[in-house]
Amino acid sequence: MTYETALAVLGDPTRRQVFERLRGGPCPVHAIAAGMTVSRPAVSQHLKVLKDAGLVEERSEGVRRIYSLRREGLAELRDWLDSFWDDALLAFKIEAERTHRQIKRTRDGNE
């Protein structure tokens, strides 16, 4: 799965809500759907999209399907987002070093 796929799949607000309900641990569909404004079949369809994208996994417990987050499925998205943080930190480091050199030159020139 690519970060683009994860972004596209999680771009749907209902799908994000389904995904977020799995934060607390594995759940059957009826527990995920409880209190949502969409039907249980709609939740199942959103779970299928999340599963196809590698973001959730399912296992059978008798006749019930239990869904859980696949944290590995978010790895590429997280790496992509972290690259922005890395770029910001590098820019901060460069600016801090430039400022430090300027202050040092000013101080050394006045002494």
PDB file of N, CA and C in Angstrom:
ATOM      1  N   MET A   1       0.833  -1.183   0.000  1.00  0.00           N
ATOM      2  CA  MET A   1       0.000   0.000   0.000  1.00  0.00           C
ATOM      3  C   MET A   1       0.880   1.248   0.000  1.00  0.00           C
ATOM      4  N   THR A   2       0.438   2.242  -0.699  1.00  0.00           N
ATOM      5  CA  THR A   2       1.186   3.490  -0.738  1.00  0.00           C
ATOM      6  C   THR A   2       0.514   4.516   0.169  1.00  0.00           C
ATOM      7  N   TYR A   3       1.256   5.551   0.498  1.00  0.00           N
ATOM      8  CA  TYR A   3       0.673   6.602   1.329  1.00  0.00           C
ATOM      9  C   TYR A   3      -0.485   7.278   0.593  1.00  0.00           C
ATOM     10  N   GLU A   4      -0.416   7.318  -0.759  1.00  0.00           N
ATOM     11  CA  GLU A   4      -1.518   7.911  -1.521  1.00  0.00           C
ATOM     12  C   GLU A   4      -2.803   7.118  -1.320  1.00  0.00           C
ATOM     13  N   THR A   5      -2.675   5.786  -1.304  1.00  0.00           N
ATOM     14  CA  THR A   5      -3.836   4.931  -1.092  1.00  0.00           C
ATOM     15  C   THR A   5      -4.414   5.171   0.300  1.00  0.00           C
ATOM     16  N   ALA A   6      -3.551   5.215   1.307  1.00  0.00           N
ATOM     17  CA  ALA A   6      -4.010   5.449   2.678  1.00  0.00           C
ATOM     18  C   ALA A   6      -4.710   6.804   2.786  1.00  0.00           C
ATOM     19  N   LEU A   7      -4.141   7.839   2.180  1.00  0.00           N
ATOM     20  CA  LEU A   7      -4.763   9.160   2.216  1.00  0.00           C
ATOM     21  C   LEU A   7      -6.124   9.147   1.531  1.00  0.00           C
ATOM     22  N   ALA A   8      -6.200   8.486   0.383  1.00  0.00           N
ATOM     23  CA  ALA A   8      -7.460   8.428  -0.358  1.00  0.00           C
ATOM     24  C   ALA A   8      -8.522   7.674   0.437  1.00  0.00           C
ATOM     25  N   VAL A   9      -8.144   6.541   0.986  1.00  0.00           N
ATOM     26  CA  VAL A   9      -9.091   5.719   1.738  1.00  0.00           C
ATOM     27  C   VAL A   9      -9.552   6.434   3.000  1.00  0.00           C
ATOM     28  N   LEU A  10      -8.631   7.057   3.708  1.00  0.00           N
ATOM     29  CA  LEU A  10      -8.974   7.741   4.951  1.00  0.00           C
ATOM     30  C   LEU A  10      -9.560   9.130   4.707  1.00  0.00           C
ATOM     31  N   GLY A  11      -9.608   9.545   3.451  1.00  0.00           N
ATOM     32  CA  GLY A  11     -10.199  10.837   3.114  1.00  0.00           C
ATOM     33  C   GLY A  11     -11.707  10.867   3.302  1.00  0.00           C
ATOM     34  N   ASP A  12     -12.325   9.704   3.303  1.00  0.00           N
ATOM     35  CA  ASP A  12     -13.778   9.633   3.508  1.00  0.00           C
ATOM     36  C   ASP A  12     -14.080   9.744   4.998  1.00  0.00           C
ATOM     37  N   PRO A  13     -14.906  10.711   5.428  1.00  0.00           N
ATOM     38  CA  PRO A  13     -15.151  10.917   6.857  1.00  0.00           C
ATOM     39  C   PRO A  13     -15.772   9.712   7.570  1.00  0.00           C
ATOM     40  N   THR A  14     -16.690   9.019   6.898  1.00  0.00           N
ATOM     41  CA  THR A  14     -17.297   7.842   7.524  1.00  0.00           C
ATOM     42  C   THR A  14     -16.266   6.732   7.686  1.00  0.00           C
ATOM     43  N   ARG A  15     -15.441   6.555   6.668  1.00  0.00           N
ATOM     44  CA  ARG A  15     -14.394   5.529   6.742  1.00  0.00           C
ATOM     45  C   ARG A  15     -13.404   5.851   7.851  1.00  0.00           C
ATOM     46  N   ARG A  16     -13.082   7.136   8.007  1.00  0.00           N
ATOM     47  CA  ARG A  16     -12.187   7.552   9.093  1.00  0.00           C
ATOM     48  C   ARG A  16     -12.817   7.244  10.442  1.00  0.00           C
ATOM     49  N   GLN A  17     -14.114   7.480  10.553  1.00  0.00           N
ATOM     50  CA  GLN A  17     -14.805   7.194  11.806  1.00  0.00           C
ATOM     51  C   GLN A  17     -14.770   5.697  12.112  1.00  0.00           C
ATOM     52  N   VAL A  18     -14.989   4.870  11.109  1.00  0.00           N
ATOM     53  CA  VAL A  18     -14.903   3.409  11.280  1.00  0.00           C
ATOM     54  C   VAL A  18     -13.491   3.042  11.727  1.00  0.00           C
ATOM     55  N   PHE A  19     -12.510   3.598  11.051  1.00  0.00           N
ATOM     56  CA  PHE A  19     -11.105   3.321  11.367  1.00  0.00           C
ATOM     57  C   PHE A  19     -10.780   3.733  12.804  1.00  0.00           C
ATOM     58  N   GLU A  20     -11.234   4.921  13.203  1.00  0.00           N
ATOM     59  CA  GLU A  20     -10.950   5.426  14.544  1.00  0.00           C
ATOM     60  C   GLU A  20     -11.617   4.591  15.629  1.00  0.00           C
ATOM     61  N   ARG A  21     -12.754   3.992  15.320  1.00  0.00           N
ATOM     62  CA  ARG A  21     -13.430   3.147  16.304  1.00  0.00           C
ATOM     63  C   ARG A  21     -12.628   1.886  16.614  1.00  0.00           C
ATOM     64  N   LEU A  22     -11.694   1.548  15.763  1.00  0.00           N
ATOM     65  CA  LEU A  22     -10.857   0.371  16.005  1.00  0.00           C
ATOM     66  C   LEU A  22      -9.630   0.691  16.853  1.00  0.00           C
ATOM     67  N   ARG A  23      -9.439   1.946  17.188  1.00  0.00           N
ATOM     68  CA  ARG A  23      -8.298   2.342  18.037  1.00  0.00           C
ATOM     69  C   ARG A  23      -8.294   1.619  19.372  1.00  0.00           C
ATOM     70  N   GLY A  24      -9.470   1.388  19.911  1.00  0.00           N
ATOM     71  CA  GLY A  24      -9.587   0.762  21.226  1.00  0.00           C
ATOM     72  C   GLY A  24      -9.355  -0.733  21.217  1.00  0.00           C
ATOM     73  N   GLY A  25      -9.200  -1.304  20.047  1.00  0.00           N
ATOM     74  CA  GLY A  25      -8.960  -2.740  19.946  1.00  0.00           C
ATOM     75  C   GLY A  25      -9.926  -3.397  18.983  1.00  0.00           C
ATOM     76  N   PRO A  26      -9.757  -4.688  18.787  1.00  0.00           N
ATOM     77  CA  PRO A  26     -10.590  -5.435  17.842  1.00  0.00           C
ATOM     78  C   PRO A  26     -12.080  -5.354  18.190  1.00  0.00           C
ATOM     79  N   CYS A  27     -12.915  -5.280  17.146  1.00  0.00           N
ATOM     80  CA  CYS A  27     -14.369  -5.165  17.321  1.00  0.00           C
ATOM     81  C   CYS A  27     -15.095  -5.913  16.217  1.00  0.00           C
ATOM     82  N   PRO A  28     -16.264  -6.429  16.552  1.00  0.00           N
ATOM     83  CA  PRO A  28     -17.143  -6.955  15.496  1.00  0.00           C
ATOM     84  C   PRO A  28     -17.869  -5.799  14.812  1.00  0.00           C
ATOM     85  N   VAL A  29     -18.412  -6.062  13.648  1.00  0.00           N
ATOM     86  CA  VAL A  29     -19.074  -5.019  12.867  1.00  0.00           C
ATOM     87  C   VAL A  29     -20.188  -4.340  13.655  1.00  0.00           C
ATOM     88  N   HIS A  30     -21.004  -5.108  14.369  1.00  0.00           N
ATOM     89  CA  HIS A  30     -22.133  -4.487  15.066  1.00  0.00           C
ATOM     90  C   HIS A  30     -21.659  -3.480  16.117  1.00  0.00           C
ATOM     91  N   ALA A  31     -20.530  -3.734  16.751  1.00  0.00           N
ATOM     92  CA  ALA A  31     -20.003  -2.796  17.750  1.00  0.00           C
ATOM     93  C   ALA A  31     -19.452  -1.544  17.073  1.00  0.00           C
ATOM     94  N   ILE A  32     -18.841  -1.714  15.918  1.00  0.00           N
ATOM     95  CA  ILE A  32     -18.316  -0.565  15.171  1.00  0.00           C
ATOM     96  C   ILE A  32     -19.478   0.301  14.691  1.00  0.00           C
ATOM     97  N   ALA A  33     -20.538  -0.342  14.212  1.00  0.00           N
ATOM     98  CA  ALA A  33     -21.677   0.371  13.638  1.00  0.00           C
ATOM     99  C   ALA A  33     -22.571   1.026  14.694  1.00  0.00           C
ATOM    100  N   ALA A  34     -22.479   0.573  15.936  1.00  0.00           N
ATOM    101  CA  ALA A  34     -23.365   1.094  16.988  1.00  0.00           C
ATOM    102  C   ALA A  34     -23.219   2.610  17.125  1.00  0.00           C
ATOM    103  N   GLY A  35     -24.332   3.303  17.011  1.00  0.00           N
ATOM    104  CA  GLY A  35     -24.334   4.751  17.176  1.00  0.00           C
ATOM    105  C   GLY A  35     -23.918   5.535  15.949  1.00  0.00           C
ATOM    106  N   MET A  36     -23.552   4.858  14.876  1.00  0.00           N
ATOM    107  CA  MET A  36     -23.182   5.572  13.646  1.00  0.00           C
ATOM    108  C   MET A  36     -24.446   5.902  12.863  1.00  0.00           C
ATOM    109  N   THR A  37     -24.346   6.898  12.018  1.00  0.00           N
ATOM    110  CA  THR A  37     -25.503   7.326  11.220  1.00  0.00           C
ATOM    111  C   THR A  37     -25.662   6.503   9.945  1.00  0.00           C
ATOM    112  N   VAL A  38     -24.756   5.575   9.694  1.00  0.00           N
ATOM    113  CA  VAL A  38     -24.851   4.708   8.508  1.00  0.00           C
ATOM    114  C   VAL A  38     -25.225   3.298   8.950  1.00  0.00           C
ATOM    115  N   SER A  39     -25.731   2.526   8.035  1.00  0.00           N
ATOM    116  CA  SER A  39     -26.187   1.168   8.336  1.00  0.00           C
ATOM    117  C   SER A  39     -25.014   0.216   8.562  1.00  0.00           C
ATOM    118  N   ARG A  40     -25.328  -0.903   9.159  1.00  0.00           N
ATOM    119  CA  ARG A  40     -24.305  -1.933   9.359  1.00  0.00           C
ATOM    120  C   ARG A  40     -23.729  -2.410   8.022  1.00  0.00           C
ATOM    121  N   PRO A  41     -24.569  -2.651   6.984  1.00  0.00           N
ATOM    122  CA  PRO A  41     -23.990  -3.020   5.683  1.00  0.00           C
ATOM    123  C   PRO A  41     -23.042  -1.951   5.126  1.00  0.00           C
ATOM    124  N   ALA A  42     -23.364  -0.683   5.355  1.00  0.00           N
ATOM    125  CA  ALA A  42     -22.476   0.397   4.893  1.00  0.00           C
ATOM    126  C   ALA A  42     -21.153   0.336   5.646  1.00  0.00           C
ATOM    127  N   VAL A  43     -21.208   0.077   6.948  1.00  0.00           N
ATOM    128  CA  VAL A  43     -19.983  -0.061   7.742  1.00  0.00           C
ATOM    129  C   VAL A  43     -19.159  -1.227   7.202  1.00  0.00           C
ATOM    130  N   SER A  44     -19.843  -2.328   6.868  1.00  0.00           N
ATOM    131  CA  SER A  44     -19.132  -3.487   6.302  1.00  0.00           C
ATOM    132  C   SER A  44     -18.430  -3.128   5.000  1.00  0.00           C
ATOM    133  N   GLN A  45     -19.078  -2.309   4.172  1.00  0.00           N
ATOM    134  CA  GLN A  45     -18.451  -1.881   2.920  1.00  0.00           C
ATOM    135  C   GLN A  45     -17.227  -1.005   3.182  1.00  0.00           C
ATOM    136  N   HIS A  46     -17.335  -0.116   4.163  1.00  0.00           N
ATOM    137  CA  HIS A  46     -16.183   0.715   4.521  1.00  0.00           C
ATOM    138  C   HIS A  46     -15.050  -0.152   5.066  1.00  0.00           C
ATOM    139  N   LEU A  47     -15.383  -1.145   5.848  1.00  0.00           N
ATOM    140  CA  LEU A  47     -14.357  -2.070   6.378  1.00  0.00           C
ATOM    141  C   LEU A  47     -13.681  -2.825   5.241  1.00  0.00           C
ATOM    142  N   LYS A  48     -14.438  -3.195   4.213  1.00  0.00           N
ATOM    143  CA  LYS A  48     -13.849  -3.893   3.064  1.00  0.00           C
ATOM    144  C   LYS A  48     -12.825  -3.000   2.365  1.00  0.00           C
ATOM    145  N   VAL A  49     -13.177  -1.722   2.189  1.00  0.00           N
ATOM    146  CA  VAL A  49     -12.241  -0.781   1.546  1.00  0.00           C
ATOM    147  C   VAL A  49     -10.986  -0.627   2.410  1.00  0.00           C
ATOM    148  N   LEU A  50     -11.174  -0.485   3.719  1.00  0.00           N
ATOM    149  CA  LEU A  50     -10.032  -0.366   4.637  1.00  0.00           C
ATOM    150  C   LEU A  50      -9.172  -1.626   4.608  1.00  0.00           C
ATOM    151  N   LYS A  51      -9.825  -2.775   4.544  1.00  0.00           N
ATOM    152  CA  LYS A  51      -9.091  -4.046   4.488  1.00  0.00           C
ATOM    153  C   LYS A  51      -8.321  -4.162   3.174  1.00  0.00           C
ATOM    154  N   ASP A  52      -8.969  -3.844   2.057  1.00  0.00           N
ATOM    155  CA  ASP A  52      -8.305  -3.912   0.749  1.00  0.00           C
ATOM    156  C   ASP A  52      -7.102  -2.981   0.681  1.00  0.00           C
ATOM    157  N   ALA A  53      -7.156  -1.883   1.422  1.00  0.00           N
ATOM    158  CA  ALA A  53      -6.044  -0.926   1.457  1.00  0.00           C
ATOM    159  C   ALA A  53      -4.955  -1.358   2.438  1.00  0.00           C
ATOM    160  N   GLY A  54      -5.201  -2.446   3.181  1.00  0.00           N
ATOM    161  CA  GLY A  54      -4.197  -2.924   4.131  1.00  0.00           C
ATOM    162  C   GLY A  54      -4.200  -2.201   5.459  1.00  0.00           C
ATOM    163  N   LEU A  55      -5.264  -1.450   5.739  1.00  0.00           N
ATOM    164  CA  LEU A  55      -5.312  -0.674   6.973  1.00  0.00           C
ATOM    165  C   LEU A  55      -5.980  -1.421   8.129  1.00  0.00           C
ATOM    166  N   VAL A  56      -6.821  -2.388   7.806  1.00  0.00           N
ATOM    167  CA  VAL A  56      -7.443  -3.227   8.839  1.00  0.00           C
ATOM    168  C   VAL A  56      -7.325  -4.683   8.414  1.00  0.00           C
ATOM    169  N   GLU A  57      -7.485  -5.547   9.395  1.00  0.00           N
ATOM    170  CA  GLU A  57      -7.510  -6.981   9.112  1.00  0.00           C
ATOM    171  C   GLU A  57      -8.716  -7.579   9.814  1.00  0.00           C
ATOM    172  N   GLU A  58      -9.116  -8.744   9.352  1.00  0.00           N
ATOM    173  CA  GLU A  58     -10.263  -9.398   9.964  1.00  0.00           C
ATOM    174  C   GLU A  58      -9.914 -10.831  10.305  1.00  0.00           C
ATOM    175  N   ARG A  59     -10.599 -11.329  11.327  1.00  0.00           N
ATOM    176  CA  ARG A  59     -10.477 -12.730  11.686  1.00  0.00           C
ATOM    177  C   ARG A  59     -11.863 -13.231  12.045  1.00  0.00           C
ATOM    178  N   SER A  60     -12.065 -14.498  11.899  1.00  0.00           N
ATOM    179  CA  SER A  60     -13.370 -15.081  12.209  1.00  0.00           C
ATOM    180  C   SER A  60     -13.377 -15.627  13.620  1.00  0.00           C
ATOM    181  N   GLU A  61     -14.482 -15.392  14.300  1.00  0.00           N
ATOM    182  CA  GLU A  61     -14.764 -15.976  15.609  1.00  0.00           C
ATOM    183  C   GLU A  61     -16.151 -16.574  15.502  1.00  0.00           C
ATOM    184  N   GLY A  62     -16.214 -17.840  15.136  1.00  0.00           N
ATOM    185  CA  GLY A  62     -17.515 -18.443  14.859  1.00  0.00           C
ATOM    186  C   GLY A  62     -18.103 -17.804  13.633  1.00  0.00           C
ATOM    187  N   VAL A  63     -19.307 -17.263  13.767  1.00  0.00           N
ATOM    188  CA  VAL A  63     -19.954 -16.607  12.627  1.00  0.00           C
ATOM    189  C   VAL A  63     -19.642 -15.114  12.567  1.00  0.00           C
ATOM    190  N   ARG A  64     -18.993 -14.591  13.588  1.00  0.00           N
ATOM    191  CA  ARG A  64     -18.667 -13.158  13.625  1.00  0.00           C
ATOM    192  C   ARG A  64     -17.318 -12.887  12.986  1.00  0.00           C
ATOM    193  N   ARG A  65     -17.226 -11.722  12.396  1.00  0.00           N
ATOM    194  CA  ARG A  65     -15.946 -11.226  11.875  1.00  0.00           C
ATOM    195  C   ARG A  65     -15.479 -10.147  12.840  1.00  0.00           C
ATOM    196  N   ILE A  66     -14.236 -10.272  13.272  1.00  0.00           N
ATOM    197  CA  ILE A  66     -13.637  -9.303  14.188  1.00  0.00           C
ATOM    198  C   ILE A  66     -12.598  -8.514  13.403  1.00  0.00           C
ATOM    199  N   TYR A  67     -12.714  -7.199  13.471  1.00  0.00           N
ATOM    200  CA  TYR A  67     -11.805  -6.307  12.742  1.00  0.00           C
ATOM    201  C   TYR A  67     -10.847  -5.626  13.708  1.00  0.00           C
ATOM    202  N   SER A  68      -9.635  -5.410  13.225  1.00  0.00           N
ATOM    203  CA  SER A  68      -8.637  -4.693  14.021  1.00  0.00           C
ATOM    204  C   SER A  68      -7.746  -3.887  13.087  1.00  0.00           C
ATOM    205  N   LEU A  69      -7.109  -2.888  13.666  1.00  0.00           N
ATOM    206  CA  LEU A  69      -6.176  -2.062  12.893  1.00  0.00           C
ATOM    207  C   LEU A  69      -4.963  -2.879  12.494  1.00  0.00           C
ATOM    208  N   ARG A  70      -4.440  -2.591  11.350  1.00  0.00           N
ATOM    209  CA  ARG A  70      -3.178  -3.158  10.887  1.00  0.00           C
ATOM    210  C   ARG A  70      -2.179  -2.011  10.923  1.00  0.00           C
ATOM    211  N   ARG A  71      -1.488  -1.899  12.042  1.00  0.00           N
ATOM    212  CA  ARG A  71      -0.583  -0.747  12.222  1.00  0.00           C
ATOM    213  C   ARG A  71       0.479  -0.682  11.128  1.00  0.00           C
ATOM    214  N   GLU A  72       0.880  -1.843  10.633  1.00  0.00           N
ATOM    215  CA  GLU A  72       1.872  -1.846   9.543  1.00  0.00           C
ATOM    216  C   GLU A  72       1.311  -1.151   8.312  1.00  0.00           C
ATOM    217  N   GLY A  73      -0.010  -1.190   8.171  1.00  0.00           N
ATOM    218  CA  GLY A  73      -0.647  -0.552   7.027  1.00  0.00           C
ATOM    219  C   GLY A  73      -0.473   0.946   7.002  1.00  0.00           C
ATOM    220  N   LEU A  74      -0.182   1.530   8.136  1.00  0.00           N
ATOM    221  CA  LEU A  74       0.023   2.972   8.212  1.00  0.00           C
ATOM    222  C   LEU A  74       1.494   3.362   8.103  1.00  0.00           C
ATOM    223  N   ALA A  75       2.377   2.387   8.028  1.00  0.00           N
ATOM    224  CA  ALA A  75       3.820   2.667   8.060  1.00  0.00           C
ATOM    225  C   ALA A  75       4.262   3.613   6.944  1.00  0.00           C
ATOM    226  N   GLU A  76       3.824   3.367   5.705  1.00  0.00           N
ATOM    227  CA  GLU A  76       4.275   4.216   4.595  1.00  0.00           C
ATOM    228  C   GLU A  76       3.712   5.630   4.734  1.00  0.00           C
ATOM    229  N   LEU A  77       2.455   5.736   5.166  1.00  0.00           N
ATOM    230  CA  LEU A  77       1.868   7.062   5.384  1.00  0.00           C
ATOM    231  C   LEU A  77       2.634   7.791   6.480  1.00  0.00           C
ATOM    232  N   ARG A  78       2.943   7.091   7.533  1.00  0.00           N
ATOM    233  CA  ARG A  78       3.682   7.723   8.632  1.00  0.00           C
ATOM    234  C   ARG A  78       5.074   8.157   8.177  1.00  0.00           C
ATOM    235  N   ASP A  79       5.753   7.310   7.406  1.00  0.00           N
ATOM    236  CA  ASP A  79       7.074   7.678   6.887  1.00  0.00           C
ATOM    237  C   ASP A  79       6.988   8.937   6.038  1.00  0.00           C
ATOM    238  N   TRP A  80       5.954   9.023   5.206  1.00  0.00           N
ATOM    239  CA  TRP A  80       5.780  10.191   4.350  1.00  0.00           C
ATOM    240  C   TRP A  80       5.541  11.433   5.197  1.00  0.00           C
ATOM    241  N   LEU A  81       4.664  11.335   6.184  1.00  0.00           N
ATOM    242  CA  LEU A  81       4.399  12.476   7.068  1.00  0.00           C
ATOM    243  C   LEU A  81       5.642  12.848   7.876  1.00  0.00           C
ATOM    244  N   ASP A  82       6.376  11.837   8.353  1.00  0.00           N
ATOM    245  CA  ASP A  82       7.600  12.102   9.103  1.00  0.00           C
ATOM    246  C   ASP A  82       8.628  12.842   8.259  1.00  0.00           C
ATOM    247  N   SER A  83       8.618  12.629   6.940  1.00  0.00           N
ATOM    248  CA  SER A  83       9.586  13.318   6.083  1.00  0.00           C
ATOM    249  C   SER A  83       9.374  14.829   6.136  1.00  0.00           C
ATOM    250  N   PHE A  84       8.134  15.272   6.332  1.00  0.00           N
ATOM    251  CA  PHE A  84       7.878  16.701   6.490  1.00  0.00           C
ATOM    252  C   PHE A  84       8.504  17.212   7.780  1.00  0.00           C
ATOM    253  N   TRP A  85       8.375  16.432   8.834  1.00  0.00           N
ATOM    254  CA  TRP A  85       8.964  16.789  10.122  1.00  0.00           C
ATOM    255  C   TRP A  85      10.480  16.843   9.982  1.00  0.00           C
ATOM    256  N   ASP A  86      11.070  15.856   9.303  1.00  0.00           N
ATOM    257  CA  ASP A  86      12.517  15.836   9.088  1.00  0.00           C
ATOM    258  C   ASP A  86      12.965  17.087   8.335  1.00  0.00           C
ATOM    259  N   ASP A  87      12.200  17.467   7.303  1.00  0.00           N
ATOM    260  CA  ASP A  87      12.533  18.671   6.528  1.00  0.00           C
ATOM    261  C   ASP A  87      12.443  19.917   7.409  1.00  0.00           C
ATOM    262  N   ALA A  88      11.418  19.996   8.247  1.00  0.00           N
ATOM    263  CA  ALA A  88      11.244  21.151   9.129  1.00  0.00           C
ATOM    264  C   ALA A  88      12.383  21.234  10.138  1.00  0.00           C
ATOM    265  N   LEU A  89      12.775  20.093  10.698  1.00  0.00           N
ATOM    266  CA  LEU A  89      13.880  20.081  11.661  1.00  0.00           C
ATOM    267  C   LEU A  89      15.198  20.478  11.000  1.00  0.00           C
ATOM    268  N   LEU A  90      15.430  19.999   9.787  1.00  0.00           N
ATOM    269  CA  LEU A  90      16.649  20.362   9.071  1.00  0.00           C
ATOM    270  C   LEU A  90      16.670  21.869   8.800  1.00  0.00           C
ATOM    271  N   ALA A  91      15.539  22.430   8.364  1.00  0.00           N
ATOM    272  CA  ALA A  91      15.472  23.877   8.113  1.00  0.00           C
ATOM    273  C   ALA A  91      15.718  24.650   9.401  1.00  0.00           C
ATOM    274  N   PHE A  92      15.158  24.186  10.521  1.00  0.00           N
ATOM    275  CA  PHE A  92      15.377  24.832  11.813  1.00  0.00           C
ATOM    276  C   PHE A  92      16.852  24.778  12.208  1.00  0.00           C
ATOM    277  N   LYS A  93      17.478  23.617  12.007  1.00  0.00           N
ATOM    278  CA  LYS A  93      18.896  23.446  12.342  1.00  0.00           C
ATOM    279  C   LYS A  93      19.755  24.409  11.521  1.00  0.00           C
ATOM    280  N   ILE A  94      19.483  24.489  10.225  1.00  0.00           N
ATOM    281  CA  ILE A  94      20.257  25.373   9.342  1.00  0.00           C
ATOM    282  C   ILE A  94      20.103  26.827   9.789  1.00  0.00           C
ATOM    283  N   GLU A  95      18.878  27.235  10.090  1.00  0.00           N
ATOM    284  CA  GLU A  95      18.629  28.615  10.532  1.00  0.00           C
ATOM    285  C   GLU A  95      19.291  28.892  11.880  1.00  0.00           C
ATOM    286  N   ALA A  96      19.219  27.936  12.811  1.00  0.00           N
ATOM    287  CA  ALA A  96      19.838  28.118  14.132  1.00  0.00           C
ATOM    288  C   ALA A  96      21.356  28.250  13.993  1.00  0.00           C
ATOM    289  N   GLU A  97      21.960  27.433  13.140  1.00  0.00           N
ATOM    290  CA  GLU A  97      23.409  27.516  12.937  1.00  0.00           C
ATOM    291  C   GLU A  97      23.791  28.837  12.279  1.00  0.00           C
ATOM    292  N   ARG A  98      22.992  29.294  11.310  1.00  0.00           N
ATOM    293  CA  ARG A  98      23.269  30.575  10.649  1.00  0.00           C
ATOM    294  C   ARG A  98      23.181  31.724  11.660  1.00  0.00           C
ATOM    295  N   THR A  99      22.143  31.712  12.475  1.00  0.00           N
ATOM    296  CA  THR A  99      21.957  32.745  13.492  1.00  0.00           C
ATOM    297  C   THR A  99      23.106  32.711  14.499  1.00  0.00           C
ATOM    298  N   HIS A 100      23.502  31.517  14.902  1.00  0.00           N
ATOM    299  CA  HIS A 100      24.600  31.367  15.863  1.00  0.00           C
ATOM    300  C   HIS A 100      25.896  31.949  15.278  1.00  0.00           C
ATOM    301  N   ARG A 101      26.165  31.658  13.998  1.00  0.00           N
ATOM    302  CA  ARG A 101      27.374  32.198  13.352  1.00  0.00           C
ATOM    303  C   ARG A 101      27.321  33.720  13.301  1.00  0.00           C
ATOM    304  N   GLN A 102      26.142  34.270  12.980  1.00  0.00           N
ATOM    305  CA  GLN A 102      25.979  35.727  12.922  1.00  0.00           C
ATOM    306  C   GLN A 102      26.233  36.354  14.290  1.00  0.00           C
ATOM    307  N   ILE A 103      25.664  35.787  15.319  1.00  0.00           N
ATOM    308  CA  ILE A 103      25.841  36.311  16.683  1.00  0.00           C
ATOM    309  C   ILE A 103      27.303  36.217  17.082  1.00  0.00           C
ATOM    310  N   LYS A 104      27.929  35.099  16.757  1.00  0.00           N
ATOM    311  CA  LYS A 104      29.342  34.906  17.111  1.00  0.00           C
ATOM    312  C   LYS A 104      30.214  35.929  16.382  1.00  0.00           C
ATOM    313  N   ARG A 105      29.951  36.139  15.088  1.00  0.00           N
ATOM    314  CA  ARG A 105      30.721  37.137  14.333  1.00  0.00           C
ATOM    315  C   ARG A 105      30.547  38.520  14.918  1.00  0.00           C
ATOM    316  N   THR A 106      29.301  38.873  15.259  1.00  0.00           N
ATOM    317  CA  THR A 106      29.024  40.184  15.841  1.00  0.00           C
ATOM    318  C   THR A 106      29.753  40.330  17.168  1.00  0.00           C
ATOM    319  N   ARG A 107      29.668  39.317  18.011  1.00  0.00           N
ATOM    320  CA  ARG A 107      30.299  39.350  19.332  1.00  0.00           C
ATOM    321  C   ARG A 107      31.810  39.393  19.191  1.00  0.00           C
ATOM    322  N   ASP A 108      32.372  38.592  18.306  1.00  0.00           N
ATOM    323  CA  ASP A 108      33.823  38.545  18.112  1.00  0.00           C
ATOM    324  C   ASP A 108      34.341  39.864  17.513  1.00  0.00           C
ATOM    325  N   GLY A 109      33.529  40.496  16.679  1.00  0.00           N
ATOM    326  CA  GLY A 109      33.921  41.753  16.063  1.00  0.00           C
ATOM    327  C   GLY A 109      33.902  42.911  17.059  1.00  0.00           C
ATOM    328  N   ASN A 110      33.093  42.818  18.114  1.00  0.00           N
ATOM    329  CA  ASN A 110      32.962  43.878  19.101  1.00  0.00           C
ATOM    330  C   ASN A 110      33.949  43.710  20.256  1.00  0.00           C
ATOM    331  N   GLU A 111      34.553  42.559  20.352  1.00  0.00           N
ATOM    332  CA  GLU A 111      35.476  42.350  21.485  1.00  0.00           C
ATOM    333  C   GLU A 111      36.855  42.864  21.202  1.00  0.00           C
TER     334      GLU A 111
END
